[in-house]
């Protein structure tokens, strides 16, 4: 990429989801800035001195043989970046933008300070082209992705074991996160999405941010979660759903969500377009006369491309009086290749009742590999 863009160096920042700094540096602690010169040795910059010192304690010393960046600098990042790229006229930057207009992880004020300190540099945003190059995973990354999905399968079982009438939302949340951590995984920030009730719309917990007691699960409720099971920065997602006592609406939503998931699996193979996959999934949503708010499919590790959202939601009688936007278009389109990784997450809704299912999927040479089972269908418990 540096040759193609005629770049003398690349400066890479991490962001909330992509963690490009961790990916390129091999450091366990996010928050660094990686400077990769076209020739010569790379530099790792951190503005927090304690992060640099973590290299030298007991655990840090154990990883010494696996580190590949020896030039570690700590101090004011704008000044250190200016020193590291000094004399280079054309420098790429990773972290400034992305597929979404809201992408990027560099604060505006920090970028102003950096550009002021490097007035002689022509900065070239290569965030999107680098992220596209990362969509195809190496054999080592695929192994980690499979392991993360396996952790997610155990976390899904923990969800099922904890989700009972009389339990609190926080009991379910704690069981899932504990299982991920116990198995050596981690969650993508800001953590699992979990919501219960009747109706239960998909979204984050209320009590964790607004305060108050976590809700108690009641007969007739549903509880759904988007679990983020990760390993070594490779992210998978599991969409768990439990209904306490089924009814006709639940069965309709569960059947539609499951049909959309199966349609996506059937459509996923090398050579097809991303849009072909989500079109097949959306067709099942429309055929069931329900609607879907979140993306039915998205790339993960990095999280970059989302399918359209708020599909089939406009002008519906069951949403009369609610603030419903138009369809939010996909972030972009691309051809599927073996080694790409996805989160399948079709949601079917009537009014604000939602069933969302799905798990991790890996594109193979002749189709795809489903890496989760429990999360790919709704589960019904008697009241």
Protein backbone atom coordinates (compact mmCIF):
# COMPACT_ATOMS: atom_id res chain seq x y z
CA UNK A 1 0.00 0.00 0.00
CA UNK A 2 2.85 2.38 0.79
CA UNK A 3 4.39 1.69 -2.62
CA UNK A 4 1.06 2.13 -4.42
CA UNK A 5 0.32 5.44 -2.66
CA UNK A 6 3.96 6.64 -2.81
CA UNK A 7 4.01 7.07 0.97
CA UNK A 8 7.19 7.59 2.94
CA UNK A 9 5.55 6.48 6.20
CA UNK A 10 2.24 5.50 7.80
CA UNK A 11 0.94 6.67 11.18
CA UNK A 12 -1.70 4.32 12.62
CA UNK A 13 -4.10 5.17 15.45
CA UNK A 14 -6.37 2.74 17.25
CA UNK A 15 -10.11 3.26 17.57
CA UNK A 16 -12.90 1.88 19.72
CA UNK A 17 -13.63 -1.14 17.53
CA UNK A 18 -10.72 -1.67 15.15
CA UNK A 19 -7.82 -1.50 17.63
CA UNK A 20 -5.42 -0.93 14.75
CA UNK A 21 -2.66 0.06 17.16
CA UNK A 22 -2.87 -3.32 18.91
CA UNK A 23 -3.13 -5.14 15.57
CA UNK A 24 0.02 -3.55 14.16
CA UNK A 25 2.14 -3.34 17.31
CA UNK A 26 1.34 -6.64 18.98
CA UNK A 27 1.01 -4.81 22.29
CA UNK A 28 -1.70 -5.97 24.68
CA UNK A 29 -2.63 -2.47 25.85
CA UNK A 30 -4.53 -0.22 23.42
CA UNK A 31 -3.92 3.48 23.13
CA UNK A 32 -0.63 3.56 21.23
CA UNK A 33 0.29 5.16 17.91
CA UNK A 34 2.35 3.13 15.45
CA UNK A 35 4.67 4.86 12.98
CA UNK A 36 5.74 2.63 10.08
CA UNK A 37 8.42 4.18 7.86
CA UNK A 38 8.76 2.91 4.30
CA UNK A 39 12.36 2.03 5.16
CA UNK A 40 13.79 1.57 8.61
CA UNK A 41 12.38 0.45 11.94
CA UNK A 42 8.87 1.19 13.27
CA UNK A 43 8.13 3.32 16.31
CA UNK A 44 5.49 2.87 19.02
CA UNK A 45 4.31 6.10 20.65
CA UNK A 46 2.25 6.34 23.82
CA UNK A 47 1.14 9.44 25.65
CA UNK A 48 0.67 7.51 28.91
CA UNK A 49 3.98 6.62 30.54
CA UNK A 50 2.50 3.81 32.64
CA UNK A 51 1.56 1.93 29.47
CA UNK A 52 5.17 1.93 28.37
CA UNK A 53 6.32 0.65 31.77
CA UNK A 54 4.00 -2.34 31.48
CA UNK A 55 6.58 -3.81 29.09
CA UNK A 56 8.96 -4.26 31.99
CA UNK A 57 6.97 -5.86 34.81
CA UNK A 58 6.67 -9.62 35.33
CA UNK A 59 3.94 -10.25 32.74
CA UNK A 60 5.43 -7.78 30.29
CA UNK A 61 8.82 -9.49 30.45
CA UNK A 62 7.19 -12.82 29.54
CA UNK A 63 6.19 -11.35 26.17
CA UNK A 64 9.59 -9.81 25.46
CA UNK A 65 10.57 -12.38 22.83
CA UNK A 66 7.37 -11.77 20.83
CA UNK A 67 7.69 -7.99 20.58
CA UNK A 68 8.83 -6.59 17.27
CA UNK A 69 8.91 -2.83 17.92
CA UNK A 70 11.95 -1.84 19.99
CA UNK A 71 11.68 1.94 19.47
CA UNK A 72 9.24 2.90 22.23
CA UNK A 73 8.67 6.60 22.91
CA UNK A 74 6.44 8.18 25.53
CA UNK A 75 5.43 11.81 25.86
CA UNK A 76 3.24 14.35 24.01
CA UNK A 77 2.04 12.45 20.90
CA UNK A 78 1.94 15.43 18.46
CA UNK A 79 5.60 16.24 19.19
CA UNK A 80 6.69 12.60 19.02
CA UNK A 81 4.78 12.02 15.77
CA UNK A 82 6.42 15.10 14.26
CA UNK A 83 9.83 13.76 15.27
CA UNK A 84 9.10 10.26 13.92
CA UNK A 85 7.91 11.49 10.50
CA UNK A 86 10.31 14.41 10.23
CA UNK A 87 11.62 14.96 6.74
CA UNK A 88 8.95 12.79 5.14
CA UNK A 89 6.75 14.67 2.70
CA UNK A 90 3.85 12.26 2.10
CA UNK A 91 2.53 10.24 5.05
CA UNK A 92 -0.48 7.94 5.29
CA UNK A 93 -2.79 8.02 8.30
CA UNK A 94 -4.96 5.16 9.59
CA UNK A 95 -7.77 6.10 11.95
CA UNK A 96 -8.99 9.35 10.45
CA UNK A 97 -12.07 8.04 8.61
CA UNK A 98 -13.77 4.82 7.53
CA UNK A 99 -16.71 3.37 5.64
CA UNK A 100 -19.16 5.31 7.77
CA UNK A 101 -19.17 9.13 7.83
CA UNK A 102 -18.96 8.75 11.62
CA UNK A 103 -15.89 6.49 11.43
CA UNK A 104 -12.45 7.30 12.74
CA UNK A 105 -10.88 7.46 16.16
CA UNK A 106 -8.76 10.64 16.22
CA UNK A 107 -10.19 13.56 18.22
CA UNK A 108 -10.45 16.77 16.21
CA UNK A 109 -8.33 18.74 18.66
CA UNK A 110 -5.57 16.13 18.61
CA UNK A 111 -5.52 16.10 14.81
CA UNK A 112 -5.20 19.90 14.72
CA UNK A 113 -2.20 19.70 17.06
CA UNK A 114 -0.60 16.96 14.94
CA UNK A 115 -1.05 18.79 11.63
CA UNK A 116 0.23 22.03 13.17
CA UNK A 117 3.38 20.23 14.29
CA UNK A 118 3.86 18.65 10.84
CA UNK A 119 3.14 21.55 8.50
CA UNK A 120 5.57 20.14 5.91
CA UNK A 121 3.75 16.79 5.69
CA UNK A 122 1.08 15.92 3.13
CA UNK A 123 -1.28 13.61 5.02
CA UNK A 124 -3.12 10.92 3.03
CA UNK A 125 -6.08 9.12 4.64
CA UNK A 126 -5.69 5.38 3.97
CA UNK A 127 -8.03 4.18 6.74
CA UNK A 128 -10.62 2.64 4.44
CA UNK A 129 -8.19 0.97 2.04
CA UNK A 130 -6.26 -0.54 4.96
CA UNK A 131 -9.47 -1.76 6.60
CA UNK A 132 -10.56 -3.38 3.33
CA UNK A 133 -7.22 -5.16 3.14
CA UNK A 134 -7.84 -6.54 6.65
CA UNK A 135 -11.18 -8.12 5.69
CA UNK A 136 -9.46 -11.31 4.51
CA UNK A 137 -8.00 -13.08 7.54
CA UNK A 138 -4.78 -15.04 7.62
CA UNK A 139 -4.85 -18.71 8.69
CA UNK A 140 -3.61 -17.63 12.14
CA UNK A 141 -6.38 -15.04 12.46
CA UNK A 142 -8.97 -17.57 11.33
CA UNK A 143 -7.83 -19.89 14.11
CA UNK A 144 -8.26 -17.10 16.65
CA UNK A 145 -11.66 -16.21 15.18
CA UNK A 146 -12.82 -19.81 15.56
CA UNK A 147 -11.58 -19.85 19.14
CA UNK A 148 -13.40 -16.60 19.92
CA UNK A 149 -16.60 -18.08 18.47
CA UNK A 150 -16.11 -21.16 20.66
CA UNK A 151 -15.84 -18.89 23.70
CA UNK A 152 -19.05 -17.22 22.48
CA UNK A 153 -20.78 -20.61 22.31
CA UNK A 154 -19.93 -21.27 25.95
CA UNK A 155 -21.09 -17.75 26.83
CA UNK A 156 -24.36 -18.45 25.02
CA UNK A 157 -24.85 -21.56 27.17
CA UNK A 158 -24.21 -19.44 30.26
CA UNK A 159 -26.91 -17.03 29.01
CA UNK A 160 -29.40 -19.90 28.69
CA UNK A 161 -28.56 -21.23 32.14
CA UNK A 162 -28.98 -17.81 33.80
CA UNK A 163 -32.06 -16.56 31.91
CA UNK A 164 -34.93 -17.68 34.15
CA UNK A 165 -38.11 -16.06 35.43
CA UNK A 166 -37.22 -14.40 38.72
CA UNK A 167 -33.60 -13.71 37.79
CA UNK A 168 -32.31 -10.18 37.31
CA UNK A 169 -30.96 -8.80 34.06
CA UNK A 170 -27.68 -8.27 35.90
CA UNK A 171 -27.52 -11.99 36.78
CA UNK A 172 -27.63 -12.88 33.08
CA UNK A 173 -25.15 -10.14 32.18
CA UNK A 174 -22.70 -11.27 34.86
CA UNK A 175 -22.94 -14.95 33.89
CA UNK A 176 -22.11 -14.23 30.26
CA UNK A 177 -19.21 -11.86 30.92
CA UNK A 178 -17.79 -14.17 33.59
CA UNK A 179 -17.79 -17.10 31.15
CA UNK A 180 -16.01 -15.08 28.46
CA UNK A 181 -13.39 -13.90 30.95
CA UNK A 182 -12.98 -17.34 32.57
CA UNK A 183 -12.07 -18.80 29.19
CA UNK A 184 -9.42 -16.20 28.51
CA UNK A 185 -11.47 -14.03 26.17
CA UNK A 186 -12.59 -10.43 26.39
CA UNK A 187 -15.57 -8.33 25.33
CA UNK A 188 -15.57 -5.52 22.79
CA UNK A 189 -16.30 -2.17 24.42
CA UNK A 190 -18.58 -0.92 25.77
CA UNK A 191 -19.70 -4.50 26.53
CA UNK A 192 -22.65 -6.79 25.94
CA UNK A 193 -25.97 -5.36 24.75
CA UNK A 194 -28.80 -6.78 26.88
CA UNK A 195 -32.48 -5.92 27.25
CA UNK A 196 -35.61 -7.62 28.59
CA UNK A 197 -39.33 -6.95 28.93
CA UNK A 198 -42.61 -7.24 27.06
CA UNK A 199 -42.12 -5.74 24.56
CA UNK A 200 -38.33 -5.88 24.54
CA UNK A 201 -36.62 -3.77 21.88
CA UNK A 202 -32.93 -4.39 21.16
CA UNK A 203 -30.58 -2.09 23.02
CA UNK A 204 -28.23 -1.60 25.95
CA UNK A 205 -29.00 -2.01 29.63
CA UNK A 206 -30.76 0.94 31.30
CA UNK A 207 -29.67 0.35 34.90
CA UNK A 208 -25.96 0.43 34.13
CA UNK A 209 -26.11 3.99 32.82
CA UNK A 210 -29.24 5.61 34.25
CA UNK A 211 -29.07 3.89 37.63
CA UNK A 212 -31.79 2.04 39.50
CA UNK A 213 -32.36 -1.65 40.13
CA UNK A 214 -31.84 -4.19 37.34
CA UNK A 215 -35.23 -5.51 36.11
CA UNK A 216 -36.53 -8.88 37.29
CA UNK A 217 -37.45 -11.29 34.48
CA UNK A 218 -41.21 -11.95 34.47
CA UNK A 219 -43.56 -14.45 32.83
CA UNK A 220 -44.28 -13.33 29.26
CA UNK A 221 -41.01 -11.41 28.99
CA UNK A 222 -38.32 -11.86 26.41
CA UNK A 223 -34.61 -11.26 26.99
CA UNK A 224 -32.17 -10.72 24.17
CA UNK A 225 -28.44 -10.07 24.09
CA UNK A 226 -25.69 -9.23 21.64
CA UNK A 227 -22.67 -11.00 23.07
CA UNK A 228 -19.20 -9.83 22.01
CA UNK A 229 -16.84 -12.77 22.47
CA UNK A 230 -13.30 -11.82 21.47
CA UNK A 231 -9.88 -13.42 21.52
CA UNK A 232 -6.64 -11.53 20.88
CA UNK A 233 -8.63 -8.70 19.29
CA UNK A 234 -10.60 -10.96 16.92
CA UNK A 235 -14.28 -10.20 17.54
CA UNK A 236 -17.26 -12.52 17.19
CA UNK A 237 -20.90 -11.83 18.02
CA UNK A 238 -23.71 -14.07 19.28
CA UNK A 239 -27.33 -12.90 19.23
CA UNK A 240 -29.10 -14.74 22.04
CA UNK A 241 -32.87 -14.63 22.56
CA UNK A 242 -35.11 -16.30 25.15
CA UNK A 243 -38.89 -16.05 25.31
CA UNK A 244 -40.73 -16.98 28.53
CA UNK A 245 -43.88 -18.53 27.13
CA UNK A 246 -44.38 -18.42 23.38
CA UNK A 247 -47.33 -16.97 21.46
CA UNK A 248 -48.29 -16.42 17.82
CA UNK A 249 -46.35 -13.17 17.51
CA UNK A 250 -43.20 -14.69 18.96
CA UNK A 251 -43.42 -17.68 16.64
CA UNK A 252 -43.88 -15.42 13.64
CA UNK A 253 -40.85 -13.32 14.59
CA UNK A 254 -38.70 -16.32 15.48
CA UNK A 255 -39.51 -18.05 12.19
CA UNK A 256 -38.73 -14.90 10.18
CA UNK A 257 -35.42 -14.28 11.94
CA UNK A 258 -34.37 -17.91 11.53
CA UNK A 259 -35.37 -17.93 7.85
CA UNK A 260 -33.33 -14.77 7.25
CA UNK A 261 -30.32 -16.34 8.95
CA UNK A 262 -30.58 -19.49 6.82
CA UNK A 263 -30.98 -17.43 3.65
CA UNK A 264 -27.79 -15.54 4.50
CA UNK A 265 -25.85 -18.76 5.09
CA UNK A 266 -27.10 -20.20 1.78
CA UNK A 267 -26.03 -17.04 -0.10
CA UNK A 268 -22.57 -16.71 1.46
CA UNK A 269 -19.71 -17.94 -0.70
CA UNK A 270 -16.68 -16.46 -2.48
CA UNK A 271 -17.50 -14.34 -5.51
CA UNK A 272 -20.92 -13.05 -4.43
CA UNK A 273 -21.39 -9.45 -3.41
CA UNK A 274 -22.04 -8.36 0.16
CA UNK A 275 -25.29 -6.84 -1.14
CA UNK A 276 -26.38 -10.23 -2.51
CA UNK A 277 -26.21 -11.73 0.98
CA UNK A 278 -28.18 -9.05 2.79
CA UNK A 279 -30.73 -8.87 -0.04
CA UNK A 280 -31.46 -12.59 0.45
CA UNK A 281 -31.85 -12.04 4.19
CA UNK A 282 -34.07 -8.97 3.81
CA UNK A 283 -36.32 -10.87 1.39
CA UNK A 284 -37.33 -13.19 4.25
CA UNK A 285 -38.07 -10.23 6.52
CA UNK A 286 -40.29 -8.60 3.91
CA UNK A 287 -42.02 -11.88 3.03
CA UNK A 288 -43.03 -12.33 6.69
CA UNK A 289 -44.42 -8.75 6.78
CA UNK A 290 -42.18 -7.79 9.69
CA UNK A 291 -39.43 -5.19 9.90
CA UNK A 292 -35.75 -5.13 10.84
CA UNK A 293 -33.84 -2.36 12.57
CA UNK A 294 -30.19 -3.44 13.02
CA UNK A 295 -27.94 -4.64 10.21
CA UNK A 296 -28.76 -8.26 9.34
CA UNK A 297 -25.07 -8.80 8.58
CA UNK A 298 -21.87 -6.89 9.30
CA UNK A 299 -18.15 -7.44 8.98
CA UNK A 300 -16.20 -8.00 12.18
CA UNK A 301 -12.52 -7.84 13.07
CA UNK A 302 -12.60 -5.06 11.95
CA UNK A 303 -16.20 -3.90 12.21
CA UNK A 304 -16.56 -1.87 9.06
CA UNK A 305 -19.44 -2.68 6.71
CA UNK A 306 -23.09 -2.85 7.80
CA UNK A 307 -26.10 -3.90 5.73
CA UNK A 308 -29.00 -1.40 5.45
CA UNK A 309 -30.95 -0.72 8.64
CA UNK A 310 -34.60 0.13 9.39
CA UNK A 311 -35.71 -2.10 6.52
CA UNK A 312 -39.49 -2.43 5.91
CA UNK A 313 -40.20 -0.11 8.86
CA UNK A 314 -41.72 2.85 7.05
CA UNK A 315 -45.49 3.38 6.94
CA UNK A 316 -46.36 0.36 9.07
CA UNK A 317 -49.49 0.37 11.23
CA UNK A 318 -47.65 -1.38 14.09
CA UNK A 319 -45.18 1.53 14.21
CA UNK A 320 -47.73 4.33 13.96
CA UNK A 321 -46.75 7.17 16.26
CA UNK A 322 -43.14 6.06 16.71
CA UNK A 323 -40.18 8.12 15.37
CA UNK A 324 -39.13 5.94 12.43
CA UNK A 325 -36.44 7.16 9.97
CA UNK A 326 -36.04 6.14 6.37
CA UNK A 327 -33.94 3.15 5.42
CA UNK A 328 -30.31 3.72 6.40
CA UNK A 329 -28.23 2.50 3.44
CA UNK A 330 -25.37 0.03 3.62
CA UNK A 331 -21.89 1.39 4.32
CA UNK A 332 -20.63 0.01 1.00
CA UNK A 333 -20.35 -3.09 -1.14
CA UNK A 334 -17.59 -5.56 -1.92
CA UNK A 335 -17.01 -9.07 -3.23
CA UNK A 336 -16.80 -11.87 -0.69
CA UNK A 337 -13.53 -13.80 -0.51
CA UNK A 338 -12.44 -16.85 1.45
CA UNK A 339 -11.15 -15.83 4.87
CA UNK A 340 -13.61 -13.00 5.46
CA UNK A 341 -15.46 -12.98 8.79
CA UNK A 342 -19.00 -11.82 9.53
CA UNK A 343 -21.55 -11.43 12.29
CA UNK A 344 -24.98 -12.60 11.13
CA UNK A 345 -27.67 -10.86 13.18
CA UNK A 346 -31.10 -10.80 11.49
CA UNK A 347 -33.78 -9.23 13.67
CA UNK A 348 -37.51 -9.54 13.04
CA UNK A 349 -39.86 -7.06 14.71
CA UNK A 350 -43.57 -6.31 15.06
CA UNK A 351 -44.04 -3.04 16.85
CA UNK A 352 -41.30 -3.05 19.47
CA UNK A 353 -41.24 -6.82 19.98
CA UNK A 354 -38.00 -8.21 18.62
CA UNK A 355 -36.39 -11.57 17.95
CA UNK A 356 -32.75 -11.32 16.87
CA UNK A 357 -30.62 -14.41 16.21
CA UNK A 358 -27.24 -15.12 14.66
CA UNK A 359 -23.59 -15.89 15.21
CA UNK A 360 -20.12 -15.89 13.71
CA UNK A 361 -19.63 -16.97 10.08
CA UNK A 362 -16.38 -17.55 8.20
CA UNK A 363 -16.25 -17.57 4.39
CA UNK A 364 -14.54 -20.73 3.10
CA UNK A 365 -13.28 -21.77 -0.33
CA UNK A 366 -16.65 -23.21 -1.37
CA UNK A 367 -19.20 -21.60 0.94
CA UNK A 368 -19.16 -20.66 4.59
CA UNK A 369 -18.61 -22.15 8.03
CA UNK A 370 -21.15 -21.49 10.79
CA UNK A 371 -19.24 -21.16 14.04
CA UNK A 372 -22.16 -20.84 16.45
CA UNK A 373 -25.30 -22.90 17.00
CA UNK A 374 -27.13 -21.82 20.19
CA UNK A 375 -27.51 -18.21 19.07
CA UNK A 376 -28.94 -19.00 15.64
CA UNK A 377 -32.50 -19.62 16.88
CA UNK A 378 -34.84 -18.32 19.57
CA UNK A 379 -35.24 -20.38 22.73
CA UNK A 380 -38.58 -20.80 24.55
CA UNK A 381 -38.89 -21.47 28.29
CA UNK A 382 -42.22 -22.10 29.98
CA UNK A 383 -43.35 -19.31 32.29
